[in-house]
Amino acid sequence: MADNCRIPTDRFFGGFDRLQSFQEMLIYIRDGQSPREGPTQWVIDHTDAGSPDAISHHLTFLDSIELIELSEKACEL
């Protein structure tokens, strides 16, 4: 990051298994040709999350810290 500001952490979905859910979503993204909507649907299908807007917030955060790359059509590591 160019401006040296701190980014707060952001909880992922999954209750007590947040880390496992997060890792499994990253594996899903890594192993497939994931369309932009793929991770959102994965989170809905595998966690207690139900709001695509809330999920989008988390994915945008992951993109901002360069853990994933979101484009108009795809999501990649």
N, C-alpha and C. Protein backbone atom coordinates (compact mmCIF):
# COMPACT_ATOMS: atom_id res chain seq x y z
N MET A 1 0.84 -1.18 0.00
CA MET A 1 0.00 0.00 0.00
C MET A 1 0.88 1.24 0.00
N ALA A 2 0.52 2.16 -0.82
CA ALA A 2 1.35 3.33 -1.02
C ALA A 2 1.23 4.36 0.11
N ASP A 3 0.09 4.47 0.74
CA ASP A 3 -0.09 5.54 1.71
C ASP A 3 0.19 5.12 3.15
N ASN A 4 0.65 3.89 3.37
CA ASN A 4 1.03 3.38 4.69
C ASN A 4 -0.08 3.47 5.74
N CYS A 5 -1.33 3.51 5.32
CA CYS A 5 -2.41 3.52 6.31
C CYS A 5 -2.73 2.09 6.74
N ARG A 6 -3.29 1.94 7.89
CA ARG A 6 -3.65 0.63 8.40
C ARG A 6 -5.05 0.26 7.92
N ILE A 7 -5.20 -0.98 7.55
CA ILE A 7 -6.50 -1.48 7.15
C ILE A 7 -7.01 -2.35 8.29
N PRO A 8 -8.23 -2.12 8.75
CA PRO A 8 -8.76 -2.98 9.81
C PRO A 8 -9.03 -4.38 9.28
N THR A 9 -9.08 -5.31 10.18
CA THR A 9 -9.45 -6.66 9.78
C THR A 9 -10.95 -6.70 9.53
N ASP A 10 -11.38 -7.72 8.85
CA ASP A 10 -12.78 -7.87 8.53
C ASP A 10 -13.14 -9.33 8.74
N ARG A 11 -14.07 -9.62 9.63
CA ARG A 11 -14.46 -11.00 9.90
C ARG A 11 -15.05 -11.65 8.66
N PHE A 12 -14.72 -12.92 8.49
CA PHE A 12 -15.30 -13.68 7.40
C PHE A 12 -16.48 -14.46 7.94
N PHE A 13 -17.30 -14.98 7.06
CA PHE A 13 -18.48 -15.74 7.43
C PHE A 13 -18.09 -17.15 7.87
N GLY A 14 -18.94 -17.79 8.63
CA GLY A 14 -18.72 -19.18 8.98
C GLY A 14 -18.77 -19.51 10.45
N GLY A 15 -19.17 -18.58 11.30
CA GLY A 15 -19.28 -18.88 12.72
C GLY A 15 -17.94 -19.30 13.33
N PHE A 16 -17.95 -20.41 14.05
CA PHE A 16 -16.74 -20.89 14.70
C PHE A 16 -15.70 -21.39 13.71
N ASP A 17 -16.12 -21.69 12.50
CA ASP A 17 -15.22 -22.22 11.48
C ASP A 17 -14.84 -21.17 10.44
N ARG A 18 -14.72 -19.93 10.86
CA ARG A 18 -14.43 -18.84 9.92
C ARG A 18 -13.16 -19.09 9.11
N LEU A 19 -12.09 -19.48 9.78
CA LEU A 19 -10.83 -19.68 9.07
C LEU A 19 -10.95 -20.82 8.06
N GLN A 20 -11.59 -21.89 8.46
CA GLN A 20 -11.77 -23.02 7.54
C GLN A 20 -12.64 -22.59 6.35
N SER A 21 -13.71 -21.87 6.59
CA SER A 21 -14.56 -21.39 5.50
C SER A 21 -13.78 -20.48 4.56
N PHE A 22 -12.99 -19.60 5.14
CA PHE A 22 -12.19 -18.68 4.34
C PHE A 22 -11.19 -19.44 3.46
N GLN A 23 -10.50 -20.40 4.06
CA GLN A 23 -9.52 -21.20 3.30
C GLN A 23 -10.21 -21.98 2.18
N GLU A 24 -11.37 -22.56 2.48
CA GLU A 24 -12.09 -23.33 1.46
C GLU A 24 -12.56 -22.44 0.32
N MET A 25 -12.98 -21.21 0.61
CA MET A 25 -13.36 -20.30 -0.45
C MET A 25 -12.17 -19.95 -1.33
N LEU A 26 -11.01 -19.72 -0.70
CA LEU A 26 -9.80 -19.43 -1.48
C LEU A 26 -9.42 -20.62 -2.36
N ILE A 27 -9.58 -21.83 -1.85
CA ILE A 27 -9.31 -23.03 -2.65
C ILE A 27 -10.27 -23.09 -3.83
N TYR A 28 -11.54 -22.80 -3.57
CA TYR A 28 -12.54 -22.77 -4.64
C TYR A 28 -12.13 -21.79 -5.74
N ILE A 29 -11.70 -20.60 -5.35
CA ILE A 29 -11.27 -19.59 -6.31
C ILE A 29 -10.02 -20.07 -7.06
N ARG A 30 -9.06 -20.62 -6.33
CA ARG A 30 -7.81 -21.08 -6.93
C ARG A 30 -8.03 -22.20 -7.93
N ASP A 31 -8.90 -23.13 -7.61
CA ASP A 31 -9.03 -24.35 -8.40
C ASP A 31 -9.96 -24.24 -9.60
N GLY A 32 -10.68 -23.15 -9.73
CA GLY A 32 -11.63 -23.07 -10.84
C GLY A 32 -11.55 -21.76 -11.57
N GLN A 33 -12.18 -21.76 -12.71
CA GLN A 33 -12.36 -20.51 -13.44
C GLN A 33 -13.58 -19.85 -12.82
N SER A 34 -13.36 -19.04 -11.81
CA SER A 34 -14.45 -18.49 -11.02
C SER A 34 -15.00 -17.21 -11.66
N PRO A 35 -16.28 -17.25 -12.04
CA PRO A 35 -16.88 -15.99 -12.50
C PRO A 35 -16.99 -15.03 -11.33
N ARG A 36 -17.19 -13.79 -11.60
CA ARG A 36 -17.28 -12.76 -10.55
C ARG A 36 -18.28 -13.15 -9.46
N GLU A 37 -19.39 -13.79 -9.83
CA GLU A 37 -20.43 -14.15 -8.87
C GLU A 37 -20.11 -15.44 -8.13
N GLY A 38 -19.10 -16.20 -8.57
CA GLY A 38 -18.79 -17.50 -7.99
C GLY A 38 -18.52 -17.48 -6.50
N PRO A 39 -17.62 -16.64 -6.01
CA PRO A 39 -17.35 -16.61 -4.56
C PRO A 39 -18.57 -16.19 -3.74
N THR A 40 -19.37 -15.28 -4.26
CA THR A 40 -20.58 -14.88 -3.54
C THR A 40 -21.51 -16.07 -3.35
N GLN A 41 -21.73 -16.81 -4.42
CA GLN A 41 -22.62 -17.96 -4.33
C GLN A 41 -22.00 -19.04 -3.44
N TRP A 42 -20.68 -19.21 -3.51
CA TRP A 42 -20.01 -20.20 -2.65
C TRP A 42 -20.25 -19.85 -1.18
N VAL A 43 -20.09 -18.58 -0.81
CA VAL A 43 -20.29 -18.17 0.58
C VAL A 43 -21.73 -18.41 1.00
N ILE A 44 -22.69 -18.09 0.16
CA ILE A 44 -24.10 -18.33 0.49
C ILE A 44 -24.35 -19.82 0.69
N ASP A 45 -23.77 -20.65 -0.17
CA ASP A 45 -24.00 -22.10 -0.10
C ASP A 45 -23.30 -22.77 1.07
N HIS A 46 -22.20 -22.20 1.58
CA HIS A 46 -21.37 -22.89 2.57
C HIS A 46 -21.28 -22.22 3.94
N THR A 47 -21.91 -21.08 4.11
CA THR A 47 -21.86 -20.40 5.40
C THR A 47 -23.25 -19.92 5.78
N ASP A 48 -23.33 -19.20 6.87
CA ASP A 48 -24.61 -18.65 7.32
C ASP A 48 -24.93 -17.30 6.68
N ALA A 49 -24.10 -16.84 5.77
CA ALA A 49 -24.33 -15.55 5.11
C ALA A 49 -25.50 -15.67 4.14
N GLY A 50 -26.24 -14.61 4.02
CA GLY A 50 -27.37 -14.64 3.11
C GLY A 50 -27.50 -13.38 2.27
N SER A 51 -26.71 -12.37 2.58
CA SER A 51 -26.81 -11.10 1.87
C SER A 51 -25.69 -10.93 0.86
N PRO A 52 -26.02 -10.96 -0.43
CA PRO A 52 -24.98 -10.73 -1.44
C PRO A 52 -24.25 -9.40 -1.25
N ASP A 53 -24.95 -8.39 -0.74
CA ASP A 53 -24.29 -7.08 -0.52
C ASP A 53 -23.23 -7.18 0.57
N ALA A 54 -23.52 -7.90 1.65
CA ALA A 54 -22.53 -8.08 2.73
C ALA A 54 -21.34 -8.88 2.22
N ILE A 55 -21.61 -9.89 1.43
CA ILE A 55 -20.52 -10.71 0.87
C ILE A 55 -19.67 -9.87 -0.07
N SER A 56 -20.31 -9.06 -0.88
CA SER A 56 -19.58 -8.17 -1.79
C SER A 56 -18.65 -7.24 -1.02
N HIS A 57 -19.11 -6.76 0.13
CA HIS A 57 -18.27 -5.90 0.99
C HIS A 57 -16.99 -6.65 1.38
N HIS A 58 -17.12 -7.91 1.79
CA HIS A 58 -15.96 -8.70 2.19
C HIS A 58 -15.04 -8.98 1.01
N LEU A 59 -15.61 -9.31 -0.14
CA LEU A 59 -14.79 -9.58 -1.31
C LEU A 59 -14.05 -8.32 -1.77
N THR A 60 -14.71 -7.19 -1.68
CA THR A 60 -14.05 -5.92 -2.03
C THR A 60 -12.88 -5.64 -1.08
N PHE A 61 -13.07 -5.94 0.20
CA PHE A 61 -11.97 -5.80 1.17
C PHE A 61 -10.81 -6.70 0.79
N LEU A 62 -11.09 -7.97 0.47
CA LEU A 62 -10.03 -8.91 0.09
C LEU A 62 -9.31 -8.44 -1.17
N ASP A 63 -10.04 -7.83 -2.08
CA ASP A 63 -9.44 -7.27 -3.29
C ASP A 63 -8.55 -6.08 -2.92
N SER A 64 -8.99 -5.25 -1.99
CA SER A 64 -8.21 -4.06 -1.62
C SER A 64 -6.89 -4.41 -0.96
N ILE A 65 -6.82 -5.57 -0.29
CA ILE A 65 -5.55 -5.98 0.31
C ILE A 65 -4.79 -6.96 -0.60
N GLU A 66 -5.28 -7.08 -1.82
CA GLU A 66 -4.64 -7.85 -2.89
C GLU A 66 -4.50 -9.34 -2.59
N LEU A 67 -5.48 -9.87 -1.87
CA LEU A 67 -5.52 -11.31 -1.63
C LEU A 67 -6.25 -12.01 -2.77
N ILE A 68 -7.26 -11.34 -3.30
CA ILE A 68 -7.94 -11.82 -4.50
C ILE A 68 -7.95 -10.67 -5.50
N GLU A 69 -8.28 -11.00 -6.74
CA GLU A 69 -8.39 -9.97 -7.77
C GLU A 69 -9.76 -10.07 -8.40
N LEU A 70 -10.54 -9.02 -8.23
CA LEU A 70 -11.87 -8.97 -8.82
C LEU A 70 -11.83 -8.15 -10.10
N SER A 71 -12.39 -8.71 -11.13
CA SER A 71 -12.55 -7.95 -12.37
C SER A 71 -14.04 -7.95 -12.71
N GLU A 72 -14.40 -7.36 -13.82
CA GLU A 72 -15.80 -7.32 -14.21
C GLU A 72 -16.39 -8.71 -14.40
N LYS A 73 -15.56 -9.65 -14.84
CA LYS A 73 -16.07 -10.98 -15.19
C LYS A 73 -15.56 -12.13 -14.32
N ALA A 74 -14.48 -11.92 -13.57
CA ALA A 74 -13.87 -13.06 -12.87
C ALA A 74 -13.36 -12.66 -11.49
N CYS A 75 -13.04 -13.70 -10.73
CA CYS A 75 -12.39 -13.55 -9.43
C CYS A 75 -11.24 -14.54 -9.41
N GLU A 76 -10.05 -14.06 -9.11
CA GLU A 76 -8.84 -14.90 -9.11
C GLU A 76 -8.03 -14.60 -7.86
N LEU A 77 -7.13 -15.53 -7.54
CA LEU A 77 -6.19 -15.27 -6.45
C LEU A 77 -5.10 -14.36 -6.96
